[in-house]
Amino acid sequence: MPDEEIKVGVATVKRYKAISEIAQNGEINVSKDEKAKILRGIKLMNASTNDVGDLIFKPCRMCGYFTFNVPITVGMMLAPPTIMNTVLL
């Protein structure tokens, strides 16, 4: 996912949030297309930004799955099948 698409989604969510804060009772009328854009922006924000709104480094966006779990899985698969490796791994 390109960073520009994420930035556009975040900007969309922030824009509609600002509009809803100004509106009476915090409610605004949006079309189905606008609602889809807002929901897409929220998903992008939750998946790739931190609490402040800064982009997270790409390899760490999947909770470190690739950077942490893949080497462990490869090590487990390549270890010779001995009793010690079975007990420890």
PDB file of N, CA and C in Angstrom:
ATOM      1  N   MET A   1       0.839  -1.166   0.000  1.00  0.00           N
ATOM      2  CA  MET A   1       0.000   0.000   0.000  1.00  0.00           C
ATOM      3  C   MET A   1       0.894   1.242   0.000  1.00  0.00           C
ATOM      4  N   PRO A   2       0.710   2.107  -0.965  1.00  0.00           N
ATOM      5  CA  PRO A   2       1.518   3.324  -1.018  1.00  0.00           C
ATOM      6  C   PRO A   2       1.197   4.278   0.143  1.00  0.00           C
ATOM      7  N   ASP A   3       2.220   4.952   0.607  1.00  0.00           N
ATOM      8  CA  ASP A   3       2.036   5.893   1.711  1.00  0.00           C
ATOM      9  C   ASP A   3       1.096   7.038   1.336  1.00  0.00           C
ATOM     10  N   GLU A   4       1.080   7.426   0.080  1.00  0.00           N
ATOM     11  CA  GLU A   4       0.213   8.532  -0.344  1.00  0.00           C
ATOM     12  C   GLU A   4      -1.264   8.166  -0.170  1.00  0.00           C
ATOM     13  N   GLU A   5      -1.624   6.919  -0.459  1.00  0.00           N
ATOM     14  CA  GLU A   5      -3.008   6.490  -0.285  1.00  0.00           C
ATOM     15  C   GLU A   5      -3.403   6.524   1.193  1.00  0.00           C
ATOM     16  N   ILE A   6      -2.477   6.154   2.042  1.00  0.00           N
ATOM     17  CA  ILE A   6      -2.733   6.186   3.482  1.00  0.00           C
ATOM     18  C   ILE A   6      -2.908   7.627   3.946  1.00  0.00           C
ATOM     19  N   LYS A   7      -2.057   8.514   3.468  1.00  0.00           N
ATOM     20  CA  LYS A   7      -2.150   9.930   3.857  1.00  0.00           C
ATOM     21  C   LYS A   7      -3.467  10.539   3.393  1.00  0.00           C
ATOM     22  N   VAL A   8      -3.935  10.158   2.208  1.00  0.00           N
ATOM     23  CA  VAL A   8      -5.220  10.660   1.708  1.00  0.00           C
ATOM     24  C   VAL A   8      -6.351  10.145   2.589  1.00  0.00           C
ATOM     25  N   GLY A   9      -6.302   8.876   2.980  1.00  0.00           N
ATOM     26  CA  GLY A   9      -7.326   8.311   3.854  1.00  0.00           C
ATOM     27  C   GLY A   9      -7.359   8.979   5.209  1.00  0.00           C
ATOM     28  N   VAL A  10      -6.187   9.240   5.778  1.00  0.00           N
ATOM     29  CA  VAL A  10      -6.101   9.914   7.074  1.00  0.00           C
ATOM     30  C   VAL A  10      -6.646  11.331   6.964  1.00  0.00           C
ATOM     31  N   ALA A  11      -6.298  12.023   5.880  1.00  0.00           N
ATOM     32  CA  ALA A  11      -6.796  13.392   5.680  1.00  0.00           C
ATOM     33  C   ALA A  11      -8.318  13.404   5.532  1.00  0.00           C
ATOM     34  N   THR A  12      -8.874  12.406   4.852  1.00  0.00           N
ATOM     35  CA  THR A  12     -10.328  12.310   4.692  1.00  0.00           C
ATOM     36  C   THR A  12     -11.005  12.154   6.043  1.00  0.00           C
ATOM     37  N   VAL A  13     -10.481  11.254   6.867  1.00  0.00           N
ATOM     38  CA  VAL A  13     -11.072  11.026   8.192  1.00  0.00           C
ATOM     39  C   VAL A  13     -10.978  12.285   9.041  1.00  0.00           C
ATOM     40  N   LYS A  14      -9.835  12.945   9.029  1.00  0.00           N
ATOM     41  CA  LYS A  14      -9.665  14.164   9.827  1.00  0.00           C
ATOM     42  C   LYS A  14     -10.592  15.282   9.348  1.00  0.00           C
ATOM     43  N   ARG A  15     -10.773  15.366   8.029  1.00  0.00           N
ATOM     44  CA  ARG A  15     -11.646  16.412   7.482  1.00  0.00           C
ATOM     45  C   ARG A  15     -13.088  16.202   7.938  1.00  0.00           C
ATOM     46  N   TYR A  16     -13.593  14.981   7.828  1.00  0.00           N
ATOM     47  CA  TYR A  16     -14.974  14.715   8.236  1.00  0.00           C
ATOM     48  C   TYR A  16     -15.130  14.791   9.753  1.00  0.00           C
ATOM     49  N   LYS A  17     -14.077  14.478  10.488  1.00  0.00           N
ATOM     50  CA  LYS A  17     -14.140  14.621  11.943  1.00  0.00           C
ATOM     51  C   LYS A  17     -14.276  16.093  12.321  1.00  0.00           C
ATOM     52  N   ALA A  18     -13.512  16.957  11.640  1.00  0.00           N
ATOM     53  CA  ALA A  18     -13.605  18.394  11.899  1.00  0.00           C
ATOM     54  C   ALA A  18     -14.991  18.922  11.528  1.00  0.00           C
ATOM     55  N   ILE A  19     -15.536  18.431  10.426  1.00  0.00           N
ATOM     56  CA  ILE A  19     -16.872  18.858  10.008  1.00  0.00           C
ATOM     57  C   ILE A  19     -17.912  18.440  11.041  1.00  0.00           C
ATOM     58  N   SER A  20     -17.793  17.215  11.568  1.00  0.00           N
ATOM     59  CA  SER A  20     -18.776  16.728  12.543  1.00  0.00           C
ATOM     60  C   SER A  20     -18.663  17.470  13.873  1.00  0.00           C
ATOM     61  N   GLU A  21     -17.466  17.947  14.219  1.00  0.00           N
ATOM     62  CA  GLU A  21     -17.310  18.723  15.458  1.00  0.00           C
ATOM     63  C   GLU A  21     -17.979  20.080  15.349  1.00  0.00           C
ATOM     64  N   ILE A  22     -18.000  20.625  14.153  1.00  0.00           N
ATOM     65  CA  ILE A  22     -18.629  21.927  13.928  1.00  0.00           C
ATOM     66  C   ILE A  22     -20.152  21.784  13.838  1.00  0.00           C
ATOM     67  N   ALA A  23     -20.608  20.654  13.290  1.00  0.00           N
ATOM     68  CA  ALA A  23     -22.046  20.447  13.061  1.00  0.00           C
ATOM     69  C   ALA A  23     -22.809  20.341  14.379  1.00  0.00           C
ATOM     70  N   GLN A  24     -24.087  20.637  14.277  1.00  0.00           N
ATOM     71  CA  GLN A  24     -24.958  20.560  15.449  1.00  0.00           C
ATOM     72  C   GLN A  24     -25.163  19.092  15.827  1.00  0.00           C
ATOM     73  N   ASN A  25     -25.019  18.763  17.095  1.00  0.00           N
ATOM     74  CA  ASN A  25     -25.138  17.407  17.630  1.00  0.00           C
ATOM     75  C   ASN A  25     -24.074  16.453  17.097  1.00  0.00           C
ATOM     76  N   GLY A  26     -23.101  16.947  16.383  1.00  0.00           N
ATOM     77  CA  GLY A  26     -22.030  16.103  15.861  1.00  0.00           C
ATOM     78  C   GLY A  26     -22.458  15.177  14.745  1.00  0.00           C
ATOM     79  N   GLU A  27     -23.590  15.431  14.133  1.00  0.00           N
ATOM     80  CA  GLU A  27     -24.104  14.575  13.069  1.00  0.00           C
ATOM     81  C   GLU A  27     -24.032  15.297  11.738  1.00  0.00           C
ATOM     82  N   ILE A  28     -23.572  14.577  10.731  1.00  0.00           N
ATOM     83  CA  ILE A  28     -23.533  15.126   9.378  1.00  0.00           C
ATOM     84  C   ILE A  28     -24.151  14.111   8.432  1.00  0.00           C
ATOM     85  N   ASN A  29     -24.654  14.590   7.326  1.00  0.00           N
ATOM     86  CA  ASN A  29     -25.221  13.720   6.295  1.00  0.00           C
ATOM     87  C   ASN A  29     -24.157  13.467   5.238  1.00  0.00           C
ATOM     88  N   VAL A  30     -23.910  12.194   4.967  1.00  0.00           N
ATOM     89  CA  VAL A  30     -22.936  11.830   3.943  1.00  0.00           C
ATOM     90  C   VAL A  30     -23.560  10.805   3.010  1.00  0.00           C
ATOM     91  N   SER A  31     -23.076  10.793   1.778  1.00  0.00           N
ATOM     92  CA  SER A  31     -23.568   9.813   0.806  1.00  0.00           C
ATOM     93  C   SER A  31     -22.882   8.467   1.054  1.00  0.00           C
ATOM     94  N   LYS A  32     -23.331   7.455   0.335  1.00  0.00           N
ATOM     95  CA  LYS A  32     -22.739   6.126   0.477  1.00  0.00           C
ATOM     96  C   LYS A  32     -21.276   6.126   0.050  1.00  0.00           C
ATOM     97  N   ASP A  33     -20.964   6.884  -1.004  1.00  0.00           N
ATOM     98  CA  ASP A  33     -19.579   6.965  -1.463  1.00  0.00           C
ATOM     99  C   ASP A  33     -18.687   7.628  -0.416  1.00  0.00           C
ATOM    100  N   GLU A  34     -19.191   8.716   0.162  1.00  0.00           N
ATOM    101  CA  GLU A  34     -18.421   9.395   1.211  1.00  0.00           C
ATOM    102  C   GLU A  34     -18.243   8.495   2.429  1.00  0.00           C
ATOM    103  N   LYS A  35     -19.286   7.763   2.779  1.00  0.00           N
ATOM    104  CA  LYS A  35     -19.202   6.848   3.914  1.00  0.00           C
ATOM    105  C   LYS A  35     -18.161   5.758   3.647  1.00  0.00           C
ATOM    106  N   ALA A  36     -18.131   5.245   2.421  1.00  0.00           N
ATOM    107  CA  ALA A  36     -17.143   4.229   2.061  1.00  0.00           C
ATOM    108  C   ALA A  36     -15.723   4.791   2.155  1.00  0.00           C
ATOM    109  N   LYS A  37     -15.550   6.046   1.723  1.00  0.00           N
ATOM    110  CA  LYS A  37     -14.227   6.681   1.818  1.00  0.00           C
ATOM    111  C   LYS A  37     -13.807   6.862   3.277  1.00  0.00           C
ATOM    112  N   ILE A  38     -14.742   7.253   4.112  1.00  0.00           N
ATOM    113  CA  ILE A  38     -14.444   7.446   5.532  1.00  0.00           C
ATOM    114  C   ILE A  38     -14.067   6.115   6.183  1.00  0.00           C
ATOM    115  N   LEU A  39     -14.833   5.079   5.900  1.00  0.00           N
ATOM    116  CA  LEU A  39     -14.536   3.769   6.485  1.00  0.00           C
ATOM    117  C   LEU A  39     -13.198   3.228   5.989  1.00  0.00           C
ATOM    118  N   ARG A  40     -12.905   3.436   4.720  1.00  0.00           N
ATOM    119  CA  ARG A  40     -11.601   3.015   4.167  1.00  0.00           C
ATOM    120  C   ARG A  40     -10.476   3.781   4.857  1.00  0.00           C
ATOM    121  N   GLY A  41     -10.675   5.071   5.060  1.00  0.00           N
ATOM    122  CA  GLY A  41      -9.676   5.880   5.754  1.00  0.00           C
ATOM    123  C   GLY A  41      -9.455   5.421   7.184  1.00  0.00           C
ATOM    124  N   ILE A  42     -10.532   5.044   7.866  1.00  0.00           N
ATOM    125  CA  ILE A  42     -10.405   4.554   9.242  1.00  0.00           C
ATOM    126  C   ILE A  42      -9.621   3.249   9.268  1.00  0.00           C
ATOM    127  N   LYS A  43      -9.901   2.355   8.328  1.00  0.00           N
ATOM    128  CA  LYS A  43      -9.155   1.093   8.260  1.00  0.00           C
ATOM    129  C   LYS A  43      -7.670   1.345   8.003  1.00  0.00           C
ATOM    130  N   LEU A  44      -7.376   2.263   7.083  1.00  0.00           N
ATOM    131  CA  LEU A  44      -5.981   2.582   6.798  1.00  0.00           C
ATOM    132  C   LEU A  44      -5.299   3.206   8.005  1.00  0.00           C
ATOM    133  N   MET A  45      -6.022   4.085   8.697  1.00  0.00           N
ATOM    134  CA  MET A  45      -5.450   4.705   9.897  1.00  0.00           C
ATOM    135  C   MET A  45      -5.143   3.671  10.960  1.00  0.00           C
ATOM    136  N   ASN A  46      -6.065   2.761  11.207  1.00  0.00           N
ATOM    137  CA  ASN A  46      -5.869   1.754  12.241  1.00  0.00           C
ATOM    138  C   ASN A  46      -4.749   0.786  11.891  1.00  0.00           C
ATOM    139  N   ALA A  47      -4.552   0.527  10.608  1.00  0.00           N
ATOM    140  CA  ALA A  47      -3.565  -0.462  10.197  1.00  0.00           C
ATOM    141  C   ALA A  47      -2.157   0.097  10.063  1.00  0.00           C
ATOM    142  N   SER A  48      -2.014   1.398   9.841  1.00  0.00           N
ATOM    143  CA  SER A  48      -0.680   1.878   9.482  1.00  0.00           C
ATOM    144  C   SER A  48      -0.238   3.171  10.162  1.00  0.00           C
ATOM    145  N   THR A  49      -0.974   3.651  11.157  1.00  0.00           N
ATOM    146  CA  THR A  49      -0.526   4.833  11.878  1.00  0.00           C
ATOM    147  C   THR A  49      -0.529   4.555  13.378  1.00  0.00           C
ATOM    148  N   ASN A  50       0.260   5.331  14.092  1.00  0.00           N
ATOM    149  CA  ASN A  50       0.269   5.186  15.553  1.00  0.00           C
ATOM    150  C   ASN A  50      -0.793   6.097  16.157  1.00  0.00           C
ATOM    151  N   ASP A  51      -0.801   6.220  17.474  1.00  0.00           N
ATOM    152  CA  ASP A  51      -1.830   7.006  18.159  1.00  0.00           C
ATOM    153  C   ASP A  51      -1.785   8.481  17.801  1.00  0.00           C
ATOM    154  N   VAL A  52      -0.621   8.983  17.465  1.00  0.00           N
ATOM    155  CA  VAL A  52      -0.456  10.400  17.127  1.00  0.00           C
ATOM    156  C   VAL A  52      -0.876  10.675  15.689  1.00  0.00           C
ATOM    157  N   GLY A  53      -0.829   9.644  14.831  1.00  0.00           N
ATOM    158  CA  GLY A  53      -1.182   9.816  13.428  1.00  0.00           C
ATOM    159  C   GLY A  53       0.005   9.733  12.504  1.00  0.00           C
ATOM    160  N   ASP A  54       1.189   9.440  13.039  1.00  0.00           N
ATOM    161  CA  ASP A  54       2.383   9.289  12.210  1.00  0.00           C
ATOM    162  C   ASP A  54       2.394   7.902  11.581  1.00  0.00           C
ATOM    163  N   LEU A  55       2.943   7.814  10.357  1.00  0.00           N
ATOM    164  CA  LEU A  55       3.030   6.532   9.689  1.00  0.00           C
ATOM    165  C   LEU A  55       4.029   5.621  10.399  1.00  0.00           C
ATOM    166  N   ILE A  56       3.682   4.357  10.480  1.00  0.00           N
ATOM    167  CA  ILE A  56       4.559   3.349  11.073  1.00  0.00           C
ATOM    168  C   ILE A  56       5.467   2.811   9.971  1.00  0.00           C
ATOM    169  N   PHE A  57       6.708   2.489  10.317  1.00  0.00           N
ATOM    170  CA  PHE A  57       7.665   1.918   9.383  1.00  0.00           C
ATOM    171  C   PHE A  57       7.061   0.670   8.744  1.00  0.00           C
ATOM    172  N   LYS A  58       7.145   0.534   7.418  1.00  0.00           N
ATOM    173  CA  LYS A  58       6.430  -0.511   6.687  1.00  0.00           C
ATOM    174  C   LYS A  58       6.633  -1.927   7.219  1.00  0.00           C
ATOM    175  N   PRO A  59       7.859  -2.387   7.507  1.00  0.00           N
ATOM    176  CA  PRO A  59       7.988  -3.765   7.995  1.00  0.00           C
ATOM    177  C   PRO A  59       7.311  -4.005   9.341  1.00  0.00           C
ATOM    178  N   CYS A  60       7.039  -2.959  10.080  1.00  0.00           N
ATOM    179  CA  CYS A  60       6.439  -3.124  11.411  1.00  0.00           C
ATOM    180  C   CYS A  60       4.923  -2.960  11.402  1.00  0.00           C
ATOM    181  N   ARG A  61       4.322  -2.765  10.269  1.00  0.00           N
ATOM    182  CA  ARG A  61       2.883  -2.521  10.218  1.00  0.00           C
ATOM    183  C   ARG A  61       2.060  -3.765  10.502  1.00  0.00           C
ATOM    184  N   MET A  62       2.619  -4.932  10.295  1.00  0.00           N
ATOM    185  CA  MET A  62       1.887  -6.169  10.578  1.00  0.00           C
ATOM    186  C   MET A  62       2.255  -6.686  11.958  1.00  0.00           C
ATOM    187  N   CYS A  63       2.410  -5.815  12.915  1.00  0.00           N
ATOM    188  CA  CYS A  63       2.773  -6.182  14.281  1.00  0.00           C
ATOM    189  C   CYS A  63       4.100  -6.924  14.318  1.00  0.00           C
ATOM    190  N   GLY A  64       4.965  -6.656  13.398  1.00  0.00           N
ATOM    191  CA  GLY A  64       6.275  -7.297  13.390  1.00  0.00           C
ATOM    192  C   GLY A  64       6.241  -8.751  12.980  1.00  0.00           C
ATOM    193  N   TYR A  65       5.185  -9.195  12.328  1.00  0.00           N
ATOM    194  CA  TYR A  65       5.079 -10.614  11.978  1.00  0.00           C
ATOM    195  C   TYR A  65       6.279 -11.077  11.169  1.00  0.00           C
ATOM    196  N   PHE A  66       6.532 -10.401  10.087  1.00  0.00           N
ATOM    197  CA  PHE A  66       7.614 -10.842   9.206  1.00  0.00           C
ATOM    198  C   PHE A  66       8.967 -10.716   9.883  1.00  0.00           C
ATOM    199  N   THR A  67       9.203  -9.596  10.523  1.00  0.00           N
ATOM    200  CA  THR A  67      10.530  -9.354  11.100  1.00  0.00           C
ATOM    201  C   THR A  67      10.836 -10.241  12.291  1.00  0.00           C
ATOM    202  N   PHE A  68       9.834 -10.693  13.006  1.00  0.00           N
ATOM    203  CA  PHE A  68      10.086 -11.483  14.209  1.00  0.00           C
ATOM    204  C   PHE A  68       9.738 -12.959  14.049  1.00  0.00           C
ATOM    205  N   ASN A  69       8.637 -13.290  13.416  1.00  0.00           N
ATOM    206  CA  ASN A  69       8.169 -14.671  13.374  1.00  0.00           C
ATOM    207  C   ASN A  69       8.768 -15.503  12.256  1.00  0.00           C
ATOM    208  N   VAL A  70       9.066 -14.913  11.121  1.00  0.00           N
ATOM    209  CA  VAL A  70       9.600 -15.698  10.016  1.00  0.00           C
ATOM    210  C   VAL A  70      10.958 -16.304  10.366  1.00  0.00           C
ATOM    211  N   PRO A  71      11.925 -15.567  10.937  1.00  0.00           N
ATOM    212  CA  PRO A  71      13.190 -16.219  11.299  1.00  0.00           C
ATOM    213  C   PRO A  71      13.018 -17.359  12.307  1.00  0.00           C
ATOM    214  N   ILE A  72      12.106 -17.213  13.236  1.00  0.00           N
ATOM    215  CA  ILE A  72      11.861 -18.280  14.215  1.00  0.00           C
ATOM    216  C   ILE A  72      11.278 -19.502  13.511  1.00  0.00           C
ATOM    217  N   THR A  73      10.321 -19.295  12.617  1.00  0.00           N
ATOM    218  CA  THR A  73       9.702 -20.408  11.895  1.00  0.00           C
ATOM    219  C   THR A  73      10.717 -21.120  11.012  1.00  0.00           C
ATOM    220  N   VAL A  74      11.551 -20.369  10.317  1.00  0.00           N
ATOM    221  CA  VAL A  74      12.583 -20.980   9.470  1.00  0.00           C
ATOM    222  C   VAL A  74      13.563 -21.768  10.329  1.00  0.00           C
ATOM    223  N   GLY A  75      13.968 -21.220  11.464  1.00  0.00           N
ATOM    224  CA  GLY A  75      14.868 -21.938  12.363  1.00  0.00           C
ATOM    225  C   GLY A  75      14.269 -23.238  12.860  1.00  0.00           C
ATOM    226  N   MET A  76      12.977 -23.229  13.143  1.00  0.00           N
ATOM    227  CA  MET A  76      12.313 -24.449  13.594  1.00  0.00           C
ATOM    228  C   MET A  76      12.232 -25.485  12.482  1.00  0.00           C
ATOM    229  N   MET A  77      12.023 -25.037  11.258  1.00  0.00           N
ATOM    230  CA  MET A  77      11.899 -25.970  10.146  1.00  0.00           C
ATOM    231  C   MET A  77      13.243 -26.543   9.720  1.00  0.00           C
ATOM    232  N   LEU A  78      14.315 -25.765   9.868  1.00  0.00           N
ATOM    233  CA  LEU A  78      15.627 -26.216   9.431  1.00  0.00           C
ATOM    234  C   LEU A  78      16.410 -26.963  10.512  1.00  0.00           C
ATOM    235  N   ALA A  79      15.941 -26.937  11.741  1.00  0.00           N
ATOM    236  CA  ALA A  79      16.648 -27.611  12.829  1.00  0.00           C
ATOM    237  C   ALA A  79      16.567 -29.130  12.629  1.00  0.00           C
ATOM    238  N   PRO A  80      17.674 -29.847  12.866  1.00  0.00           N
ATOM    239  CA  PRO A  80      17.621 -31.308  12.726  1.00  0.00           C
ATOM    240  C   PRO A  80      16.693 -31.910  13.793  1.00  0.00           C
ATOM    241  N   PRO A  81      15.989 -32.979  13.448  1.00  0.00           N
ATOM    242  CA  PRO A  81      14.999 -33.565  14.383  1.00  0.00           C
ATOM    243  C   PRO A  81      15.648 -34.392  15.491  1.00  0.00           C
ATOM    244  N   THR A  82      16.225 -33.723  16.455  1.00  0.00           N
ATOM    245  CA  THR A  82      16.782 -34.414  17.615  1.00  0.00           C
ATOM    246  C   THR A  82      15.871 -34.214  18.807  1.00  0.00           C
ATOM    247  N   ILE A  83      16.088 -34.981  19.855  1.00  0.00           N
ATOM    248  CA  ILE A  83      15.238 -34.879  21.043  1.00  0.00           C
ATOM    249  C   ILE A  83      15.389 -33.488  21.670  1.00  0.00           C
ATOM    250  N   MET A  84      16.590 -32.955  21.749  1.00  0.00           N
ATOM    251  CA  MET A  84      16.798 -31.620  22.345  1.00  0.00           C
ATOM    252  C   MET A  84      16.100 -30.529  21.532  1.00  0.00           C
ATOM    253  N   ASN A  85      16.189 -30.608  20.214  1.00  0.00           N
ATOM    254  CA  ASN A  85      15.501 -29.607  19.385  1.00  0.00           C
ATOM    255  C   ASN A  85      13.992 -29.732  19.514  1.00  0.00           C
ATOM    256  N   THR A  86      13.486 -30.937  19.649  1.00  0.00           N
ATOM    257  CA  THR A  86      12.057 -31.126  19.816  1.00  0.00           C
ATOM    258  C   THR A  86      11.587 -30.554  21.140  1.00  0.00           C
ATOM    259  N   VAL A  87      12.365 -30.741  22.197  1.00  0.00           N
ATOM    260  CA  VAL A  87      11.986 -30.241  23.518  1.00  0.00           C
ATOM    261  C   VAL A  87      12.118 -28.728  23.586  1.00  0.00           C
ATOM    262  N   LEU A  88      13.189 -28.182  23.049  1.00  0.00           N
ATOM    263  CA  LEU A  88      13.443 -26.744  23.158  1.00  0.00           C
ATOM    264  C   LEU A  88      12.636 -25.931  22.149  1.00  0.00           C
ATOM    265  N   LEU A  89      12.383 -26.464  20.997  1.00  0.00           N
ATOM    266  CA  LEU A  89      11.658 -25.687  19.987  1.00  0.00           C
ATOM    267  C   LEU A  89      10.218 -26.109  19.974  1.00  0.00           C
TER     268      LEU A  89
END
